[in-house]
C-alpha atoms as a PDB file:
ATOM      1  CA  MET A   1      -0.067  -0.291   0.197  1.00  0.00           C
ATOM      2  CA  PHE A   2       3.079   2.322   1.077  1.00  0.00           C
ATOM      3  CA  VAL A   3       4.725   1.834  -2.921  1.00  0.00           C
ATOM      4  CA  ILE A   4       1.108   2.831  -4.315  1.00  0.00           C
ATOM      5  CA  MET A   5       0.548   5.796  -2.426  1.00  0.00           C
ATOM      6  CA  ALA A   6       3.826   6.545  -3.207  1.00  0.00           C
ATOM      7  CA  VAL A   7       3.703   6.284  -7.194  1.00  0.00           C
ATOM      8  CA  ALA A   8       0.452   7.158  -7.330  1.00  0.00           C
ATOM      9  CA  THR A   9      -0.033  10.522  -5.433  1.00  0.00           C
ATOM     10  CA  ASP A  10       3.099  11.848  -6.147  1.00  0.00           C
ATOM     11  CA  THR A  11       3.797  14.401  -9.331  1.00  0.00           C
ATOM     12  CA  ARG A  12       6.955  13.844  -9.670  1.00  0.00           C
ATOM     13  CA  SER A  13       6.910   9.731 -10.476  1.00  0.00           C
ATOM     14  CA  ALA A  14       6.703   8.765 -14.001  1.00  0.00           C
ATOM     15  CA  GLY A  15       3.825   6.157 -15.533  1.00  0.00           C
ATOM     16  CA  GLU A  16       6.273   3.606 -16.106  1.00  0.00           C
ATOM     17  CA  ALA A  17       8.650   4.148 -13.424  1.00  0.00           C
ATOM     18  CA  ALA A  18       5.198   3.675 -11.009  1.00  0.00           C
ATOM     19  CA  ALA A  19       4.438   0.110 -13.147  1.00  0.00           C
ATOM     20  CA  ILE A  20       8.022  -0.706 -12.082  1.00  0.00           C
ATOM     21  CA  ALA A  21       7.638  -0.063  -8.618  1.00  0.00           C
ATOM     22  CA  ILE A  22       4.440  -1.924  -8.327  1.00  0.00           C
ATOM     23  CA  GLY A  23       5.256  -4.726 -10.099  1.00  0.00           C
ATOM     24  CA  GLY A  24       8.475  -4.908  -8.238  1.00  0.00           C
ATOM     25  CA  THR A  25       6.484  -4.998  -4.766  1.00  0.00           C
ATOM     26  CA  VAL A  26       4.079  -7.498  -6.117  1.00  0.00           C
ATOM     27  CA  GLY A  27       6.735  -9.597  -7.151  1.00  0.00           C
ATOM     28  CA  LEU A  28       8.527  -9.530  -4.136  1.00  0.00           C
ATOM     29  CA  ASP A  29       6.032 -10.157  -2.322  1.00  0.00           C
ATOM     30  CA  PRO A  30       5.899 -14.249  -2.173  1.00  0.00           C
ATOM     31  CA  LEU A  31       9.553 -13.896  -1.541  1.00  0.00           C
ATOM     32  CA  PHE A  32       8.839 -12.518   1.776  1.00  0.00           C
ATOM     33  CA  GLY A  33       5.392 -13.254   2.448  1.00  0.00           C
ATOM     34  CA  GLY A  34       5.015 -16.956   0.939  1.00  0.00           C
ATOM     35  CA  PRO A  35       7.090 -19.128   3.812  1.00  0.00           C
ATOM     36  CA  ILE A  36       4.475 -16.848   6.199  1.00  0.00           C
ATOM     37  CA  SER A  37       0.693 -16.611   4.462  1.00  0.00           C
ATOM     38  CA  GLY A  38       1.173 -18.404   0.930  1.00  0.00           C
ATOM     39  CA  ALA A  39       1.786 -14.866  -0.346  1.00  0.00           C
ATOM     40  CA  SER A  40      -2.102 -14.377  -0.193  1.00  0.00           C
ATOM     41  CA  MET A  41      -2.300 -10.495  -1.066  1.00  0.00           C
ATOM     42  CA  ASN A  42      -6.054 -10.689  -1.250  1.00  0.00           C
ATOM     43  CA  PRO A  43      -8.687 -11.416   1.476  1.00  0.00           C
ATOM     44  CA  ALA A  44     -10.981 -12.214  -0.683  1.00  0.00           C
ATOM     45  CA  ARG A  45      -8.882 -14.953  -2.588  1.00  0.00           C
ATOM     46  CA  SER A  46      -8.296 -16.354   1.059  1.00  0.00           C
ATOM     47  CA  LEU A  47     -11.717 -15.530   2.022  1.00  0.00           C
ATOM     48  CA  GLY A  48     -13.419 -17.725  -0.885  1.00  0.00           C
ATOM     49  CA  PRO A  49     -11.391 -21.341   0.150  1.00  0.00           C
ATOM     50  CA  ALA A  50     -11.591 -20.615   4.100  1.00  0.00           C
ATOM     51  CA  VAL A  51     -15.507 -20.229   3.244  1.00  0.00           C
ATOM     52  CA  VAL A  52     -16.062 -23.172   1.234  1.00  0.00           C
ATOM     53  CA  SER A  53     -14.201 -25.673   3.186  1.00  0.00           C
ATOM     54  CA  GLY A  54     -15.322 -24.821   6.646  1.00  0.00           C
ATOM     55  CA  ASP A  55     -12.185 -23.877   8.072  1.00  0.00           C
ATOM     56  CA  LEU A  56     -12.578 -20.164   9.075  1.00  0.00           C
ATOM     57  CA  ARG A  57     -10.528 -20.731  12.137  1.00  0.00           C
ATOM     58  CA  ALA A  58      -7.448 -18.560  10.915  1.00  0.00           C
ATOM     59  CA  LEU A  59      -9.088 -16.234   8.554  1.00  0.00           C
ATOM     60  CA  TRP A  60      -8.617 -13.643  10.573  1.00  0.00           C
ATOM     61  CA  ILE A  61      -5.418 -13.222   9.771  1.00  0.00           C
ATOM     62  CA  TYR A  62      -6.164 -13.111   6.095  1.00  0.00           C
ATOM     63  CA  LEU A  63      -8.647  -9.836   6.756  1.00  0.00           C
ATOM     64  CA  THR A  64      -7.625  -7.997   9.668  1.00  0.00           C
ATOM     65  CA  PRO A  65      -3.549  -7.318   9.404  1.00  0.00           C
ATOM     66  CA  PRO A  66      -3.676  -6.081   5.277  1.00  0.00           C
ATOM     67  CA  PHE A  67      -6.862  -3.168   6.768  1.00  0.00           C
ATOM     68  CA  LEU A  68      -4.625  -2.210   9.416  1.00  0.00           C
ATOM     69  CA  GLY A  69      -1.424  -2.255   6.902  1.00  0.00           C
ATOM     70  CA  ALA A  70      -2.625  -0.109   4.608  1.00  0.00           C
ATOM     71  CA  ALA A  71      -3.773   2.271   7.551  1.00  0.00           C
ATOM     72  CA  LEU A  72      -0.291   2.372   8.652  1.00  0.00           C
ATOM     73  CA  ALA A  73       1.404   2.583   5.286  1.00  0.00           C
ATOM     74  CA  ALA A  74      -0.979   5.485   4.617  1.00  0.00           C
ATOM     75  CA  HIS A  75      -0.342   7.299   7.976  1.00  0.00           C
ATOM     76  CA  ALA A  76       3.659   6.249   7.663  1.00  0.00           C
ATOM     77  CA  TYR A  77       3.429   8.085   4.122  1.00  0.00           C
ATOM     78  CA  GLN A  78       1.677  10.855   5.081  1.00  0.00           C
ATOM     79  CA  PHE A  79       4.793  11.471   7.619  1.00  0.00           C
ATOM     80  CA  VAL A  80       7.474  10.968   5.255  1.00  0.00           C
ATOM     81  CA  ARG A  81       6.074  12.999   2.478  1.00  0.00           C
ATOM     82  CA  ALA A  82       5.107  15.931   4.953  1.00  0.00           C
ATOM     83  CA  ASP A  83       6.203  19.452   3.904  1.00  0.00           C
ATOM     84  CA  ARG A  84       8.616  20.760   6.599  1.00  0.00           C
ATOM     85  CA  PRO A  85      10.493  23.842   6.093  1.00  0.00           C
ATOM     86  CA  GLY A  86      13.929  23.870   4.969  1.00  0.00           C
ATOM     87  CA  PRO A  87      16.994  25.507   6.768  1.00  0.00           C
ATOM     88  CA  ALA A  88      16.836  28.596   4.314  1.00  0.00           C
ATOM     89  CA  GLU A  89      12.945  28.746   5.245  1.00  0.00           C
ATOM     90  CA  LEU A  90      13.544  28.488   9.250  1.00  0.00           C
ATOM     91  CA  ALA A  91      15.952  31.045   9.274  1.00  0.00           C
ATOM     92  CA  ALA A  92      14.084  33.028   7.374  1.00  0.00           C
ATOM     93  CA  ARG A  93      11.153  32.786   9.512  1.00  0.00           C
ATOM     94  CA  ARG A  94      13.423  33.555  12.598  1.00  0.00           C
ATOM     95  CA  ALA A  95      14.427  36.478  11.148  1.00  0.00           C
ATOM     96  CA  ASP A  96      10.952  38.047  11.048  1.00  0.00           C
ATOM     97  CA  THR A  97       9.799  37.334  14.197  1.00  0.00           C
ATOM     98  CA  GLY A  98      13.308  38.807  15.730  1.00  0.00           C
ATOM     99  CA  ALA A  99      14.100  35.259  17.271  1.00  0.00           C
ATOM    100  CA  GLY A 100      17.921  34.271  17.549  1.00  0.00           C
ATOM    101  CA  PRO A 101      19.290  31.319  16.711  1.00  0.00           C
ATOM    102  CA  SER A 102      18.344  28.362  19.001  1.00  0.00           C
END
């Protein structure tokens, strides 16, 4: 989710770079998530077989983390991309208010 938000909302990312970043992330997911969860990135893909088989014991692990992860990614991206003033802007603000160096 973090990668998708970064390339979809950032005006500096080009279309081709966005596709490569998202594709690379989707391609790397089975390498890291495969041994843990079978690399299930789509909750609906996990829900269908669980309902058909009647085994719903571990279904929460496939439904809860994607939503929590998306929410955490949204907050992390807002934090990373926050427009913070640079040193020159901070110096200009200090000069305007008459505050000395701190």
